[in-house]
Amino acid sequence: MYGLIGKIKTADGKRDELISILLEGTSDMPGCIQYVIAKDTNDVNAIWVTEVWDTQENHQNSLSLPLVQEAITRGKPLMAGFGERFETVPVGGHGLQ
């Protein structure tokens, strides 16, 4: 498995709008086991995205899917930058196969 945890910083007041776009544009991604979007509790303009994929290749391939490309195009103007980014190797746990 391949995991990715990343922080996205949004323009002032645009967090909920970006979350909505990401939720719409990240359904039905082949190989995606989990895709969780969470609000940062200390920064009203930041979100965390936690991803679990069956392979790193499927994660990479997802970036070219039409729905994902549309979400990127719509969401990019709402983003102010990125924070920490961590690659992981998920080994199991509640909710994972």
PDB file of N, CA and C in Angstrom:
ATOM      1  N   MET A   1       0.840  -1.183   0.000  1.00  0.00           N
ATOM      2  CA  MET A   1       0.000   0.000   0.000  1.00  0.00           C
ATOM      3  C   MET A   1       0.884   1.245   0.000  1.00  0.00           C
ATOM      4  N   TYR A   2       0.277   2.337  -0.388  1.00  0.00           N
ATOM      5  CA  TYR A   2       0.956   3.633  -0.442  1.00  0.00           C
ATOM      6  C   TYR A   2       0.075   4.651   0.266  1.00  0.00           C
ATOM      7  N   GLY A   3       0.682   5.450   1.134  1.00  0.00           N
ATOM      8  CA  GLY A   3      -0.060   6.473   1.861  1.00  0.00           C
ATOM      9  C   GLY A   3       0.534   7.847   1.667  1.00  0.00           C
ATOM     10  N   LEU A   4      -0.322   8.831   1.771  1.00  0.00           N
ATOM     11  CA  LEU A   4       0.095  10.212   1.623  1.00  0.00           C
ATOM     12  C   LEU A   4      -0.740  11.064   2.562  1.00  0.00           C
ATOM     13  N   ILE A   5      -0.078  11.911   3.329  1.00  0.00           N
ATOM     14  CA  ILE A   5      -0.754  12.850   4.227  1.00  0.00           C
ATOM     15  C   ILE A   5      -0.216  14.227   3.886  1.00  0.00           C
ATOM     16  N   GLY A   6      -1.112  15.147   3.552  1.00  0.00           N
ATOM     17  CA  GLY A   6      -0.653  16.465   3.147  1.00  0.00           C
ATOM     18  C   GLY A   6      -1.558  17.573   3.640  1.00  0.00           C
ATOM     19  N   LYS A   7      -0.958  18.729   3.850  1.00  0.00           N
ATOM     20  CA  LYS A   7      -1.681  19.907   4.309  1.00  0.00           C
ATOM     21  C   LYS A   7      -1.821  20.879   3.145  1.00  0.00           C
ATOM     22  N   ILE A   8      -3.047  21.367   2.946  1.00  0.00           N
ATOM     23  CA  ILE A   8      -3.309  22.381   1.929  1.00  0.00           C
ATOM     24  C   ILE A   8      -3.771  23.640   2.638  1.00  0.00           C
ATOM     25  N   LYS A   9      -3.136  24.738   2.318  1.00  0.00           N
ATOM     26  CA  LYS A   9      -3.534  26.030   2.870  1.00  0.00           C
ATOM     27  C   LYS A   9      -4.418  26.729   1.851  1.00  0.00           C
ATOM     28  N   THR A  10      -5.529  27.293   2.331  1.00  0.00           N
ATOM     29  CA  THR A  10      -6.474  27.936   1.425  1.00  0.00           C
ATOM     30  C   THR A  10      -6.425  29.453   1.579  1.00  0.00           C
ATOM     31  N   ALA A  11      -6.946  30.123   0.569  1.00  0.00           N
ATOM     32  CA  ALA A  11      -7.127  31.569   0.672  1.00  0.00           C
ATOM     33  C   ALA A  11      -8.113  31.837   1.804  1.00  0.00           C
ATOM     34  N   ASP A  12      -8.040  33.020   2.382  1.00  0.00           N
ATOM     35  CA  ASP A  12      -8.917  33.369   3.509  1.00  0.00           C
ATOM     36  C   ASP A  12     -10.382  33.082   3.199  1.00  0.00           C
ATOM     37  N   GLY A  13     -10.986  32.299   4.067  1.00  0.00           N
ATOM     38  CA  GLY A  13     -12.407  32.017   3.957  1.00  0.00           C
ATOM     39  C   GLY A  13     -12.807  31.050   2.864  1.00  0.00           C
ATOM     40  N   LYS A  14     -11.871  30.394   2.239  1.00  0.00           N
ATOM     41  CA  LYS A  14     -12.174  29.507   1.111  1.00  0.00           C
ATOM     42  C   LYS A  14     -12.069  28.022   1.451  1.00  0.00           C
ATOM     43  N   ARG A  15     -11.833  27.699   2.718  1.00  0.00           N
ATOM     44  CA  ARG A  15     -11.624  26.298   3.097  1.00  0.00           C
ATOM     45  C   ARG A  15     -12.816  25.413   2.763  1.00  0.00           C
ATOM     46  N   ASP A  16     -14.019  25.820   3.163  1.00  0.00           N
ATOM     47  CA  ASP A  16     -15.187  24.970   2.932  1.00  0.00           C
ATOM     48  C   ASP A  16     -15.474  24.794   1.444  1.00  0.00           C
ATOM     49  N   GLU A  17     -15.236  25.835   0.653  1.00  0.00           N
ATOM     50  CA  GLU A  17     -15.439  25.739  -0.785  1.00  0.00           C
ATOM     51  C   GLU A  17     -14.458  24.736  -1.403  1.00  0.00           C
ATOM     52  N   LEU A  18     -13.196  24.780  -0.972  1.00  0.00           N
ATOM     53  CA  LEU A  18     -12.215  23.828  -1.485  1.00  0.00           C
ATOM     54  C   LEU A  18     -12.557  22.407  -1.049  1.00  0.00           C
ATOM     55  N   ILE A  19     -12.977  22.240   0.180  1.00  0.00           N
ATOM     56  CA  ILE A  19     -13.373  20.915   0.660  1.00  0.00           C
ATOM     57  C   ILE A  19     -14.489  20.350  -0.217  1.00  0.00           C
ATOM     58  N   SER A  20     -15.474  21.168  -0.535  1.00  0.00           N
ATOM     59  CA  SER A  20     -16.584  20.728  -1.365  1.00  0.00           C
ATOM     60  C   SER A  20     -16.101  20.268  -2.747  1.00  0.00           C
ATOM     61  N   ILE A  21     -15.198  21.016  -3.336  1.00  0.00           N
ATOM     62  CA  ILE A  21     -14.650  20.656  -4.647  1.00  0.00           C
ATOM     63  C   ILE A  21     -13.879  19.348  -4.564  1.00  0.00           C
ATOM     64  N   LEU A  22     -13.063  19.201  -3.532  1.00  0.00           N
ATOM     65  CA  LEU A  22     -12.281  17.969  -3.383  1.00  0.00           C
ATOM     66  C   LEU A  22     -13.184  16.753  -3.155  1.00  0.00           C
ATOM     67  N   LEU A  23     -14.233  16.926  -2.385  1.00  0.00           N
ATOM     68  CA  LEU A  23     -15.147  15.811  -2.144  1.00  0.00           C
ATOM     69  C   LEU A  23     -15.851  15.380  -3.430  1.00  0.00           C
ATOM     70  N   GLU A  24     -16.206  16.331  -4.278  1.00  0.00           N
ATOM     71  CA  GLU A  24     -16.855  16.004  -5.548  1.00  0.00           C
ATOM     72  C   GLU A  24     -15.883  15.344  -6.519  1.00  0.00           C
ATOM     73  N   GLY A  25     -14.650  15.821  -6.533  1.00  0.00           N
ATOM     74  CA  GLY A  25     -13.710  15.407  -7.554  1.00  0.00           C
ATOM     75  C   GLY A  25     -12.840  14.226  -7.206  1.00  0.00           C
ATOM     76  N   THR A  26     -13.087  13.614  -6.073  1.00  0.00           N
ATOM     77  CA  THR A  26     -12.211  12.518  -5.666  1.00  0.00           C
ATOM     78  C   THR A  26     -12.975  11.223  -5.426  1.00  0.00           C
ATOM     79  N   SER A  27     -14.158  11.128  -5.985  1.00  0.00           N
ATOM     80  CA  SER A  27     -14.888   9.864  -5.887  1.00  0.00           C
ATOM     81  C   SER A  27     -14.495   8.985  -7.064  1.00  0.00           C
ATOM     82  N   ASP A  28     -14.637   7.709  -6.893  1.00  0.00           N
ATOM     83  CA  ASP A  28     -14.390   6.751  -7.970  1.00  0.00           C
ATOM     84  C   ASP A  28     -12.979   6.855  -8.566  1.00  0.00           C
ATOM     85  N   MET A  29     -11.994   6.708  -7.701  1.00  0.00           N
ATOM     86  CA  MET A  29     -10.596   6.693  -8.151  1.00  0.00           C
ATOM     87  C   MET A  29     -10.077   5.266  -8.019  1.00  0.00           C
ATOM     88  N   PRO A  30      -9.792   4.598  -9.134  1.00  0.00           N
ATOM     89  CA  PRO A  30      -9.321   3.213  -9.083  1.00  0.00           C
ATOM     90  C   PRO A  30      -8.073   3.058  -8.205  1.00  0.00           C
ATOM     91  N   GLY A  31      -8.136   2.097  -7.284  1.00  0.00           N
ATOM     92  CA  GLY A  31      -7.009   1.829  -6.404  1.00  0.00           C
ATOM     93  C   GLY A  31      -7.016   2.628  -5.117  1.00  0.00           C
ATOM     94  N   CYS A  32      -7.951   3.572  -4.991  1.00  0.00           N
ATOM     95  CA  CYS A  32      -8.012   4.383  -3.771  1.00  0.00           C
ATOM     96  C   CYS A  32      -8.782   3.618  -2.695  1.00  0.00           C
ATOM     97  N   ILE A  33      -8.131   3.387  -1.576  1.00  0.00           N
ATOM     98  CA  ILE A  33      -8.752   2.671  -0.465  1.00  0.00           C
ATOM     99  C   ILE A  33      -9.413   3.657   0.484  1.00  0.00           C
ATOM    100  N   GLN A  34      -8.739   4.759   0.752  1.00  0.00           N
ATOM    101  CA  GLN A  34      -9.292   5.817   1.598  1.00  0.00           C
ATOM    102  C   GLN A  34      -8.809   7.167   1.108  1.00  0.00           C
ATOM    103  N   TYR A  35      -9.705   8.158   1.159  1.00  0.00           N
ATOM    104  CA  TYR A  35      -9.357   9.538   0.838  1.00  0.00           C
ATOM    105  C   TYR A  35     -10.135  10.375   1.830  1.00  0.00           C
ATOM    106  N   VAL A  36      -9.446  10.892   2.833  1.00  0.00           N
ATOM    107  CA  VAL A  36     -10.084  11.605   3.929  1.00  0.00           C
ATOM    108  C   VAL A  36      -9.647  13.055   3.915  1.00  0.00           C
ATOM    109  N   ILE A  37     -10.615  13.950   3.937  1.00  0.00           N
ATOM    110  CA  ILE A  37     -10.349  15.387   3.992  1.00  0.00           C
ATOM    111  C   ILE A  37     -10.783  15.857   5.371  1.00  0.00           C
ATOM    112  N   ALA A  38      -9.888  16.569   6.062  1.00  0.00           N
ATOM    113  CA  ALA A  38     -10.178  17.015   7.425  1.00  0.00           C
ATOM    114  C   ALA A  38      -9.803  18.478   7.604  1.00  0.00           C
ATOM    115  N   LYS A  39     -10.594  19.172   8.407  1.00  0.00           N
ATOM    116  CA  LYS A  39     -10.288  20.558   8.738  1.00  0.00           C
ATOM    117  C   LYS A  39      -9.194  20.596   9.805  1.00  0.00           C
ATOM    118  N   ASP A  40      -8.234  21.486   9.642  1.00  0.00           N
ATOM    119  CA  ASP A  40      -7.201  21.709  10.646  1.00  0.00           C
ATOM    120  C   ASP A  40      -7.856  22.438  11.821  1.00  0.00           C
ATOM    121  N   THR A  41      -7.625  21.976  13.027  1.00  0.00           N
ATOM    122  CA  THR A  41      -8.265  22.585  14.202  1.00  0.00           C
ATOM    123  C   THR A  41      -7.586  23.868  14.661  1.00  0.00           C
ATOM    124  N   ASN A  42      -6.380  24.130  14.199  1.00  0.00           N
ATOM    125  CA  ASN A  42      -5.649  25.322  14.630  1.00  0.00           C
ATOM    126  C   ASN A  42      -5.580  26.413  13.572  1.00  0.00           C
ATOM    127  N   ASP A  43      -5.967  26.098  12.352  1.00  0.00           N
ATOM    128  CA  ASP A  43      -5.855  27.052  11.255  1.00  0.00           C
ATOM    129  C   ASP A  43      -7.139  26.992  10.437  1.00  0.00           C
ATOM    130  N   VAL A  44      -7.922  28.067  10.460  1.00  0.00           N
ATOM    131  CA  VAL A  44      -9.217  28.078   9.777  1.00  0.00           C
ATOM    132  C   VAL A  44      -9.072  28.095   8.259  1.00  0.00           C
ATOM    133  N   ASN A  45      -7.859  28.221   7.774  1.00  0.00           N
ATOM    134  CA  ASN A  45      -7.609  28.236   6.339  1.00  0.00           C
ATOM    135  C   ASN A  45      -6.733  27.059   5.907  1.00  0.00           C
ATOM    136  N   ALA A  46      -6.869  25.933   6.587  1.00  0.00           N
ATOM    137  CA  ALA A  46      -6.050  24.767   6.237  1.00  0.00           C
ATOM    138  C   ALA A  46      -6.858  23.490   6.340  1.00  0.00           C
ATOM    139  N   ILE A  47      -6.515  22.548   5.449  1.00  0.00           N
ATOM    140  CA  ILE A  47      -7.100  21.213   5.499  1.00  0.00           C
ATOM    141  C   ILE A  47      -5.984  20.178   5.407  1.00  0.00           C
ATOM    142  N   TRP A  48      -6.291  18.987   5.861  1.00  0.00           N
ATOM    143  CA  TRP A  48      -5.395  17.839   5.745  1.00  0.00           C
ATOM    144  C   TRP A  48      -6.061  16.807   4.858  1.00  0.00           C
ATOM    145  N   VAL A  49      -5.297  16.228   3.967  1.00  0.00           N
ATOM    146  CA  VAL A  49      -5.794  15.148   3.121  1.00  0.00           C
ATOM    147  C   VAL A  49      -4.969  13.902   3.428  1.00  0.00           C
ATOM    148  N   THR A  50      -5.652  12.839   3.804  1.00  0.00           N
ATOM    149  CA  THR A  50      -5.008  11.573   4.116  1.00  0.00           C
ATOM    150  C   THR A  50      -5.478  10.550   3.093  1.00  0.00           C
ATOM    151  N   GLU A  51      -4.530   9.977   2.380  1.00  0.00           N
ATOM    152  CA  GLU A  51      -4.850   9.046   1.294  1.00  0.00           C
ATOM    153  C   GLU A  51      -4.207   7.690   1.554  1.00  0.00           C
ATOM    154  N   VAL A  52      -4.934   6.633   1.204  1.00  0.00           N
ATOM    155  CA  VAL A  52      -4.384   5.282   1.205  1.00  0.00           C
ATOM    156  C   VAL A  52      -4.735   4.669  -0.143  1.00  0.00           C
ATOM    157  N   TRP A  53      -3.710   4.167  -0.820  1.00  0.00           N
ATOM    158  CA  TRP A  53      -3.841   3.584  -2.155  1.00  0.00           C
ATOM    159  C   TRP A  53      -3.304   2.164  -2.145  1.00  0.00           C
ATOM    160  N   ASP A  54      -3.806   1.368  -3.076  1.00  0.00           N
ATOM    161  CA  ASP A  54      -3.265   0.013  -3.173  1.00  0.00           C
ATOM    162  C   ASP A  54      -1.839   0.034  -3.713  1.00  0.00           C
ATOM    163  N   THR A  55      -1.532   1.004  -4.609  1.00  0.00           N
ATOM    164  CA  THR A  55      -0.165   1.148  -5.113  1.00  0.00           C
ATOM    165  C   THR A  55       0.147   2.634  -5.348  1.00  0.00           C
ATOM    166  N   GLN A  56       1.412   2.968  -5.327  1.00  0.00           N
ATOM    167  CA  GLN A  56       1.835   4.329  -5.638  1.00  0.00           C
ATOM    168  C   GLN A  56       1.506   4.672  -7.094  1.00  0.00           C
ATOM    169  N   GLU A  57       1.578   3.679  -7.962  1.00  0.00           N
ATOM    170  CA  GLU A  57       1.269   3.887  -9.372  1.00  0.00           C
ATOM    171  C   GLU A  57      -0.181   4.332  -9.566  1.00  0.00           C
ATOM    172  N   ASN A  58      -1.122   3.701  -8.841  1.00  0.00           N
ATOM    173  CA  ASN A  58      -2.525   4.112  -8.955  1.00  0.00           C
ATOM    174  C   ASN A  58      -2.737   5.524  -8.426  1.00  0.00           C
ATOM    175  N   HIS A  59      -2.003   5.893  -7.396  1.00  0.00           N
ATOM    176  CA  HIS A  59      -2.078   7.277  -6.926  1.00  0.00           C
ATOM    177  C   HIS A  59      -1.632   8.222  -8.032  1.00  0.00           C
ATOM    178  N   GLN A  60      -0.502   7.926  -8.642  1.00  0.00           N
ATOM    179  CA  GLN A  60       0.040   8.771  -9.708  1.00  0.00           C
ATOM    180  C   GLN A  60      -0.937   8.838 -10.883  1.00  0.00           C
ATOM    181  N   ASN A  61      -1.510   7.694 -11.252  1.00  0.00           N
ATOM    182  CA  ASN A  61      -2.462   7.651 -12.360  1.00  0.00           C
ATOM    183  C   ASN A  61      -3.724   8.458 -12.076  1.00  0.00           C
ATOM    184  N   SER A  62      -4.105   8.547 -10.807  1.00  0.00           N
ATOM    185  CA  SER A  62      -5.333   9.273 -10.453  1.00  0.00           C
ATOM    186  C   SER A  62      -5.245  10.752 -10.816  1.00  0.00           C
ATOM    187  N   LEU A  63      -4.040  11.280 -10.856  1.00  0.00           N
ATOM    188  CA  LEU A  63      -3.869  12.702 -11.142  1.00  0.00           C
ATOM    189  C   LEU A  63      -4.276  13.064 -12.564  1.00  0.00           C
ATOM    190  N   SER A  64      -4.405  12.075 -13.441  1.00  0.00           N
ATOM    191  CA  SER A  64      -4.813  12.354 -14.818  1.00  0.00           C
ATOM    192  C   SER A  64      -6.287  12.034 -15.081  1.00  0.00           C
ATOM    193  N   LEU A  65      -7.006  11.562 -14.073  1.00  0.00           N
ATOM    194  CA  LEU A  65      -8.427  11.280 -14.249  1.00  0.00           C
ATOM    195  C   LEU A  65      -9.197  12.582 -14.502  1.00  0.00           C
ATOM    196  N   PRO A  66     -10.188  12.576 -15.398  1.00  0.00           N
ATOM    197  CA  PRO A  66     -10.938  13.798 -15.700  1.00  0.00           C
ATOM    198  C   PRO A  66     -11.552  14.479 -14.466  1.00  0.00           C
ATOM    199  N   LEU A  67     -12.167  13.695 -13.557  1.00  0.00           N
ATOM    200  CA  LEU A  67     -12.758  14.306 -12.354  1.00  0.00           C
ATOM    201  C   LEU A  67     -11.707  14.965 -11.479  1.00  0.00           C
ATOM    202  N   VAL A  68     -10.560  14.331 -11.348  1.00  0.00           N
ATOM    203  CA  VAL A  68      -9.479  14.887 -10.532  1.00  0.00           C
ATOM    204  C   VAL A  68      -8.910  16.131 -11.199  1.00  0.00           C
ATOM    205  N   GLN A  69      -8.718  16.086 -12.510  1.00  0.00           N
ATOM    206  CA  GLN A  69      -8.213  17.249 -13.235  1.00  0.00           C
ATOM    207  C   GLN A  69      -9.165  18.440 -13.093  1.00  0.00           C
ATOM    208  N   GLU A  70     -10.462  18.168 -13.166  1.00  0.00           N
ATOM    209  CA  GLU A  70     -11.450  19.235 -13.003  1.00  0.00           C
ATOM    210  C   GLU A  70     -11.384  19.816 -11.593  1.00  0.00           C
ATOM    211  N   ALA A  71     -11.252  18.948 -10.580  1.00  0.00           N
ATOM    212  CA  ALA A  71     -11.153  19.419  -9.196  1.00  0.00           C
ATOM    213  C   ALA A  71      -9.897  20.279  -9.016  1.00  0.00           C
ATOM    214  N   ILE A  72      -8.797  19.871  -9.623  1.00  0.00           N
ATOM    215  CA  ILE A  72      -7.563  20.653  -9.532  1.00  0.00           C
ATOM    216  C   ILE A  72      -7.757  22.020 -10.171  1.00  0.00           C
ATOM    217  N   THR A  73      -8.355  22.046 -11.347  1.00  0.00           N
ATOM    218  CA  THR A  73      -8.581  23.309 -12.051  1.00  0.00           C
ATOM    219  C   THR A  73      -9.488  24.234 -11.244  1.00  0.00           C
ATOM    220  N   ARG A  74     -10.568  23.697 -10.694  1.00  0.00           N
ATOM    221  CA  ARG A  74     -11.502  24.513  -9.908  1.00  0.00           C
ATOM    222  C   ARG A  74     -10.921  24.918  -8.556  1.00  0.00           C
ATOM    223  N   GLY A  75     -10.133  24.016  -7.952  1.00  0.00           N
ATOM    224  CA  GLY A  75      -9.629  24.265  -6.612  1.00  0.00           C
ATOM    225  C   GLY A  75      -8.380  25.120  -6.533  1.00  0.00           C
ATOM    226  N   LYS A  76      -7.576  25.096  -7.579  1.00  0.00           N
ATOM    227  CA  LYS A  76      -6.288  25.798  -7.549  1.00  0.00           C
ATOM    228  C   LYS A  76      -6.401  27.283  -7.174  1.00  0.00           C
ATOM    229  N   PRO A  77      -7.379  28.030  -7.708  1.00  0.00           N
ATOM    230  CA  PRO A  77      -7.483  29.443  -7.321  1.00  0.00           C
ATOM    231  C   PRO A  77      -7.822  29.668  -5.839  1.00  0.00           C
ATOM    232  N   LEU A  78      -8.324  28.629  -5.175  1.00  0.00           N
ATOM    233  CA  LEU A  78      -8.693  28.736  -3.761  1.00  0.00           C
ATOM    234  C   LEU A  78      -7.534  28.397  -2.833  1.00  0.00           C
ATOM    235  N   MET A  79      -6.460  27.865  -3.393  1.00  0.00           N
ATOM    236  CA  MET A  79      -5.314  27.425  -2.605  1.00  0.00           C
ATOM    237  C   MET A  79      -4.297  28.541  -2.441  1.00  0.00           C
ATOM    238  N   ALA A  80      -3.765  28.627  -1.224  1.00  0.00           N
ATOM    239  CA  ALA A  80      -2.717  29.608  -0.937  1.00  0.00           C
ATOM    240  C   ALA A  80      -1.349  28.940  -0.863  1.00  0.00           C
ATOM    241  N   GLY A  81      -1.322  27.617  -0.833  1.00  0.00           N
ATOM    242  CA  GLY A  81      -0.050  26.904  -0.764  1.00  0.00           C
ATOM    243  C   GLY A  81      -0.214  25.559  -0.087  1.00  0.00           C
ATOM    244  N   PHE A  82       0.910  24.942   0.164  1.00  0.00           N
ATOM    245  CA  PHE A  82       0.928  23.625   0.779  1.00  0.00           C
ATOM    246  C   PHE A  82       1.807  23.653   2.019  1.00  0.00           C
ATOM    247  N   GLY A  83       1.461  22.799   2.968  1.00  0.00           N
ATOM    248  CA  GLY A  83       2.262  22.661   4.183  1.00  0.00           C
ATOM    249  C   GLY A  83       3.007  21.348   4.145  1.00  0.00           C
ATOM    250  N   GLU A  84       3.042  20.691   5.277  1.00  0.00           N
ATOM    251  CA  GLU A  84       3.767  19.430   5.384  1.00  0.00           C
ATOM    252  C   GLU A  84       3.183  18.379   4.438  1.00  0.00           C
ATOM    253  N   ARG A  85       4.057  17.469   4.025  1.00  0.00           N
ATOM    254  CA  ARG A  85       3.658  16.359   3.154  1.00  0.00           C
ATOM    255  C   ARG A  85       4.453  15.136   3.581  1.00  0.00           C
ATOM    256  N   PHE A  86       3.735  14.058   3.845  1.00  0.00           N
ATOM    257  CA  PHE A  86       4.377  12.836   4.319  1.00  0.00           C
ATOM    258  C   PHE A  86       3.930  11.650   3.478  1.00  0.00           C
ATOM    259  N   GLU A  87       4.879  10.867   2.990  1.00  0.00           N
ATOM    260  CA  GLU A  87       4.572   9.605   2.333  1.00  0.00           C
ATOM    261  C   GLU A  87       4.704   8.511   3.378  1.00  0.00           C
ATOM    262  N   THR A  88       3.767   7.556   3.335  1.00  0.00           N
ATOM    263  CA  THR A  88       3.762   6.477   4.319  1.00  0.00           C
ATOM    264  C   THR A  88       3.544   5.136   3.628  1.00  0.00           C
ATOM    265  N   VAL A  89       3.737   4.078   4.392  1.00  0.00           N
ATOM    266  CA  VAL A  89       3.423   2.723   3.936  1.00  0.00           C
ATOM    267  C   VAL A  89       2.414   2.151   4.931  1.00  0.00           C
ATOM    268  N   PRO A  90       1.109   2.292   4.645  1.00  0.00           N
ATOM    269  CA  PRO A  90       0.103   1.753   5.544  1.00  0.00           C
ATOM    270  C   PRO A  90       0.256   0.238   5.686  1.00  0.00           C
ATOM    271  N   VAL A  91       0.100  -0.246   6.904  1.00  0.00           N
ATOM    272  CA  VAL A  91       0.239  -1.685   7.157  1.00  0.00           C
ATOM    273  C   VAL A  91      -1.042  -2.317   7.684  1.00  0.00           C
ATOM    274  N   GLY A  92      -2.065  -1.534   7.962  1.00  0.00           N
ATOM    275  CA  GLY A  92      -3.321  -2.080   8.438  1.00  0.00           C
ATOM    276  C   GLY A  92      -3.944  -1.186   9.471  1.00  0.00           C
ATOM    277  N   GLY A  93      -5.061  -1.614   9.976  1.00  0.00           N
ATOM    278  CA  GLY A  93      -5.783  -0.863  10.984  1.00  0.00           C
ATOM    279  C   GLY A  93      -7.269  -0.835  10.660  1.00  0.00           C
ATOM    280  N   HIS A  94      -8.027  -0.246  11.552  1.00  0.00           N
ATOM    281  CA  HIS A  94      -9.481  -0.175  11.390  1.00  0.00           C
ATOM    282  C   HIS A  94      -9.803   0.541  10.085  1.00  0.00           C
ATOM    283  N   GLY A  95     -10.613  -0.070   9.257  1.00  0.00           N
ATOM    284  CA  GLY A  95     -11.017   0.523   7.997  1.00  0.00           C
ATOM    285  C   GLY A  95     -10.151   0.152   6.818  1.00  0.00           C
ATOM    286  N   LEU A  96      -9.010  -0.469   7.052  1.00  0.00           N
ATOM    287  CA  LEU A  96      -8.147  -0.902   5.961  1.00  0.00           C
ATOM    288  C   LEU A  96      -8.301  -2.409   5.764  1.00  0.00           C
ATOM    289  N   GLN A  97      -8.165  -2.814   4.516  1.00  0.00           N
ATOM    290  CA  GLN A  97      -8.304  -4.239   4.205  1.00  0.00           C
ATOM    291  C   GLN A  97      -7.056  -4.986   4.584  1.00  0.00           C
TER     292      GLN A  97
END
